[in-house]
Every structure is written in C-alpha cells, then in structure tokens.
Amino acid sequence: MLPNEEEFPPLYSTSATRQTVVLKVFLLGCFAVVLAMLLAGVVFSFWIKEVSIRMLTMGIAAPVLCGLIWMAVASYRSGKPKYTRAEVNAEGLHQYGEGVPVLSLRYEALSTNSSGGVYDVLWTDLGYSETNPDLYVFIKNESGAVQLQAVQFRIFLVPNGNALLAHFVRGIMRFRPDLKIDPKVLSRYRIT
C-alpha cells in the first residue's frame, strides 16, 4: 500500500434495503390501483347504453391498459444489471452487484477539459434542467477522445450518495492535483 492510500480510507455506500422495499411496494401498489381503475373502466364501458360514450371509454382505457401491461412485462424481462453497493477508495468510484461487471470511474482515467473550459471537474446542469445539476468530469474513452461524463450511481437508492461524491472529489484533489475543480463543486460538497 502506498502512503497516500493509508491516509485516504475507503468509503462505502450504506444499505437502503428497507427504503427500497417500501418504495417498490408503494410504486407497485400505485401501479396496481391504476391498472384496476383502467380495467374497471373497460368493464364499466360494457354497461353504458350510449354507444359514443362506450367507444370513448373503450378507446381510452383499452390502449392505456395494454400499454401499461406491455411496460410491466418489458421492464420485468429487460434484465438490466442490478448494482447494489458503491465504494470510493484510493483508485476511484466503484459500483458492485451480483453477476454484473464492476463499474469503475478511476482517478487515472480522468482527463483535463479539452473543450477550452477553465475547470476539469464541474457542477452544472448542462442546460437540460435548472433543478437537477450533476457532478461532471472529463474522461478518455476507448478511442482516446475526451468526453464529458456525469458521475452517477446505478444503484436504486444511495442514502449517503452525497458523502460518496464528496469523498470522490477529495480523492480527485489528492490523487489528481493537476485537475482544476470548479468552486461550485467545492461549495456543493462543503469541501475546504
């Protein structure tokens, strides 16, 4: 171990099993209620005597019901990788899961801003949304081109996500002092 690694202890994500279960049960309950209401609308439309109202009810409820069922089946079959924990250590940010490859954003992969900007680590919304800014870094991809990448978690819930990102920024300051960090990043994560 290098001396710098000893001074930079790893930080792990905290478990959010209870919150994840509660949120998934709530969302599944909402989905079931909407599905039941649409199904009731389809069944109720058979009791309506006026043909135009029956067709309108069927014309709205049936396609939406089919779309919701298709979305549920497609998301169940998608088999997206499920990441369950994260770690920030002396090498970078790593995300782990069972049976999925480790996602790593290593300090050595970070690059300087090639687009002529002042900072290499940014806190911005990139013009997409005023309410959802993110932490961005520049990395080199496989072809050697430098591109902007958001530092995001693939985990469903990360209770200590801000602490992990702050630790990642501290790691950039320690292991990549050549990179310029936007003061917005430092104030966002309360780093002095």
Protein backbone atom coordinates (compact mmCIF):
# COMPACT_ATOMS: atom_id res chain seq x y z
CA MET A 1 0.00 0.00 0.00
CA LEU A 2 1.17 3.47 -0.80
CA PRO A 3 1.31 6.06 1.99
CA ASN A 4 -1.41 8.11 0.26
CA GLU A 5 -3.76 5.11 0.28
CA GLU A 6 -3.38 4.75 4.04
CA GLU A 7 -4.37 8.37 4.53
CA PHE A 8 -7.38 8.01 2.23
CA PRO A 9 -9.69 5.41 3.77
CA PRO A 10 -12.37 3.85 1.57
CA LEU A 11 -15.99 4.98 1.99
CA TYR A 12 -18.81 2.52 1.32
CA SER A 13 -22.46 3.10 0.46
CA THR A 14 -24.91 2.46 3.26
CA SER A 15 -27.63 -0.12 2.84
CA ALA A 16 -31.07 1.10 1.80
CA THR A 17 -32.86 -2.25 1.85
CA ARG A 18 -35.80 -1.08 3.96
CA GLN A 19 -36.33 2.15 1.97
CA THR A 20 -36.02 0.25 -1.32
CA VAL A 21 -38.62 -2.32 -0.29
CA VAL A 22 -41.02 0.37 0.96
CA LEU A 23 -40.63 2.42 -2.23
CA LYS A 24 -41.04 -0.59 -4.52
CA VAL A 25 -44.14 -1.77 -2.64
CA PHE A 26 -45.62 1.75 -2.84
CA LEU A 27 -44.91 2.01 -6.58
CA LEU A 28 -46.27 -1.48 -7.21
CA GLY A 29 -49.41 -0.55 -5.24
CA CYS A 30 -49.87 2.62 -7.32
CA PHE A 31 -49.40 0.60 -10.50
CA ALA A 32 -51.98 -1.96 -9.31
CA VAL A 33 -54.52 0.78 -8.45
CA VAL A 34 -54.13 2.45 -11.86
CA LEU A 35 -54.36 -0.93 -13.58
CA ALA A 36 -57.52 -1.81 -11.60
CA MET A 37 -59.11 1.54 -12.44
CA LEU A 38 -58.41 1.08 -16.15
CA LEU A 39 -59.72 -2.48 -16.07
CA ALA A 40 -62.84 -1.25 -14.27
CA GLY A 41 -63.24 1.40 -16.98
CA VAL A 42 -63.13 -1.27 -19.68
CA VAL A 43 -65.65 -3.47 -17.84
CA PHE A 44 -67.87 -0.49 -16.99
CA SER A 45 -67.97 0.56 -20.64
CA PHE A 46 -69.97 -2.60 -21.45
CA TRP A 47 -72.78 -1.40 -19.16
CA ILE A 48 -73.06 2.01 -20.80
CA LYS A 49 -76.07 2.22 -23.14
CA GLU A 50 -74.88 5.15 -25.27
CA VAL A 51 -72.53 3.93 -27.97
CA SER A 52 -70.44 7.11 -28.31
CA ILE A 53 -69.56 7.19 -24.58
CA ARG A 54 -68.85 3.44 -24.63
CA MET A 55 -66.47 3.84 -27.58
CA LEU A 56 -64.75 6.81 -25.95
CA THR A 57 -64.27 4.91 -22.69
CA MET A 58 -63.00 1.81 -24.50
CA GLY A 59 -60.86 3.91 -26.83
CA ILE A 60 -59.02 5.49 -23.92
CA ALA A 61 -58.93 2.70 -21.32
CA ALA A 62 -58.06 -0.28 -23.52
CA PRO A 63 -54.91 1.15 -25.20
CA VAL A 64 -53.62 2.60 -21.92
CA LEU A 65 -54.25 -0.72 -20.17
CA CYS A 66 -52.41 -2.63 -22.92
CA GLY A 67 -49.54 -0.12 -22.79
CA LEU A 68 -49.16 -0.48 -19.03
CA ILE A 69 -49.18 -4.25 -19.22
CA TRP A 70 -46.60 -4.15 -22.04
CA MET A 71 -44.37 -1.79 -19.99
CA ALA A 72 -44.60 -4.08 -16.94
CA VAL A 73 -43.68 -7.17 -18.94
CA ALA A 74 -40.88 -5.38 -20.84
CA SER A 75 -39.30 -3.99 -17.66
CA TYR A 76 -39.54 -7.39 -15.96
CA ARG A 77 -37.84 -9.13 -18.91
CA SER A 78 -35.22 -6.44 -19.53
CA GLY A 79 -32.80 -7.92 -17.02
CA LYS A 80 -30.90 -4.67 -16.53
CA PRO A 81 -27.79 -5.07 -14.37
CA LYS A 82 -28.60 -4.50 -10.73
CA TYR A 83 -25.91 -2.72 -8.80
CA THR A 84 -26.26 -2.90 -5.04
CA ARG A 85 -23.31 -1.13 -3.44
CA ALA A 86 -20.69 1.51 -4.13
CA GLU A 87 -17.25 2.32 -2.82
CA VAL A 88 -14.89 5.27 -3.14
CA ASN A 89 -11.28 4.39 -2.44
CA ALA A 90 -7.77 5.43 -3.47
CA GLU A 91 -8.40 4.19 -7.03
CA GLY A 92 -11.75 5.91 -7.68
CA LEU A 93 -15.50 5.25 -7.58
CA HIS A 94 -16.62 1.63 -7.96
CA GLN A 95 -20.12 0.12 -8.17
CA TYR A 96 -20.72 -3.57 -7.49
CA GLY A 97 -23.55 -6.02 -7.97
CA GLU A 98 -24.12 -9.75 -8.15
CA GLY A 99 -23.36 -11.26 -11.54
CA VAL A 100 -22.59 -7.90 -13.18
CA PRO A 101 -19.27 -6.35 -14.13
CA VAL A 102 -17.82 -3.77 -11.77
CA LEU A 103 -18.38 -0.18 -12.94
CA SER A 104 -15.36 1.92 -12.10
CA LEU A 105 -14.53 5.56 -12.58
CA ARG A 106 -10.82 5.67 -11.77
CA TYR A 107 -8.88 8.80 -10.98
CA GLU A 108 -6.29 7.84 -13.58
CA ALA A 109 -9.00 7.82 -16.30
CA LEU A 110 -9.93 11.45 -15.62
CA SER A 111 -8.71 13.97 -18.13
CA THR A 112 -8.40 17.72 -18.49
CA ASN A 113 -11.09 19.79 -20.18
CA SER A 114 -10.33 19.62 -23.89
CA SER A 115 -13.15 21.96 -24.91
CA GLY A 116 -11.32 25.05 -23.72
CA GLY A 117 -13.13 25.42 -20.41
CA VAL A 118 -11.46 26.58 -17.23
CA TYR A 119 -12.40 23.64 -14.99
CA ASP A 120 -11.96 19.88 -15.33
CA VAL A 121 -14.49 18.89 -12.64
CA LEU A 122 -17.83 20.68 -12.97
CA TRP A 123 -21.11 21.09 -11.09
CA THR A 124 -23.68 22.01 -13.72
CA ASP A 125 -26.97 21.15 -15.36
CA LEU A 126 -25.60 21.47 -18.93
CA GLY A 127 -28.75 23.39 -19.83
CA TYR A 128 -31.05 20.37 -19.57
CA SER A 129 -32.71 21.22 -16.28
CA GLU A 130 -32.41 24.05 -13.80
CA THR A 131 -33.37 21.81 -10.90
CA ASN A 132 -31.12 18.79 -11.43
CA PRO A 133 -27.43 19.69 -11.72
CA ASP A 134 -24.84 16.93 -11.51
CA LEU A 135 -21.14 16.39 -10.95
CA TYR A 136 -19.32 16.06 -14.28
CA VAL A 137 -15.78 15.00 -15.13
CA PHE A 138 -13.85 14.60 -18.37
CA ILE A 139 -12.67 11.11 -19.27
CA LYS A 140 -10.89 9.46 -22.18
CA ASN A 141 -12.94 6.80 -23.90
CA GLU A 142 -11.58 3.68 -25.62
CA SER A 143 -10.73 5.59 -28.80
CA GLY A 144 -8.77 8.21 -26.85
CA ALA A 145 -11.29 11.02 -27.33
CA VAL A 146 -12.01 13.17 -24.28
CA GLN A 147 -15.69 13.38 -23.37
CA LEU A 148 -17.79 14.82 -20.58
CA GLN A 149 -19.39 12.28 -18.24
CA ALA A 150 -21.78 12.65 -15.32
CA VAL A 151 -20.75 10.95 -12.09
CA GLN A 152 -23.91 9.00 -11.27
CA PHE A 153 -24.86 5.91 -9.33
CA ARG A 154 -26.54 2.91 -10.96
CA ILE A 155 -27.90 1.85 -7.57
CA PHE A 156 -31.64 2.27 -6.90
CA LEU A 157 -31.15 4.23 -3.66
CA VAL A 158 -27.91 5.54 -2.15
CA PRO A 159 -28.64 7.15 1.25
CA ASN A 160 -25.10 8.51 1.60
CA GLY A 161 -24.65 9.42 -2.08
CA ASN A 162 -23.54 12.99 -1.36
CA ALA A 163 -20.91 11.75 1.11
CA LEU A 164 -19.60 9.31 -1.50
CA LEU A 165 -19.41 12.03 -4.15
CA ALA A 166 -17.69 14.41 -1.71
CA HIS A 167 -15.18 11.67 -0.92
CA PHE A 168 -14.65 11.15 -4.66
CA VAL A 169 -13.93 14.88 -5.10
CA ARG A 170 -11.48 14.72 -2.19
CA GLY A 171 -9.81 11.80 -3.96
CA ILE A 172 -9.51 13.90 -7.12
CA MET A 173 -7.91 16.66 -5.08
CA ARG A 174 -5.43 14.20 -3.54
CA PHE A 175 -4.59 11.87 -6.42
CA ARG A 176 -5.11 14.22 -9.38
CA PRO A 177 -3.98 17.67 -8.23
CA ASP A 178 -3.43 18.58 -11.90
CA LEU A 179 -7.21 18.79 -12.45
CA LYS A 180 -8.97 22.11 -11.79
CA ILE A 181 -12.15 21.79 -9.72
CA ASP A 182 -14.99 24.27 -10.13
CA PRO A 183 -15.60 26.21 -6.87
CA LYS A 184 -19.30 25.27 -7.20
CA VAL A 185 -18.28 21.63 -6.65
CA LEU A 186 -16.33 22.51 -3.51
CA SER A 187 -19.17 24.60 -2.08
CA ARG A 188 -21.78 21.97 -3.01
CA TYR A 189 -19.95 19.27 -1.07
CA ARG A 190 -18.66 21.66 1.63
CA ILE A 191 -15.01 20.92 0.92
CA THR A 192 -12.44 23.45 2.07
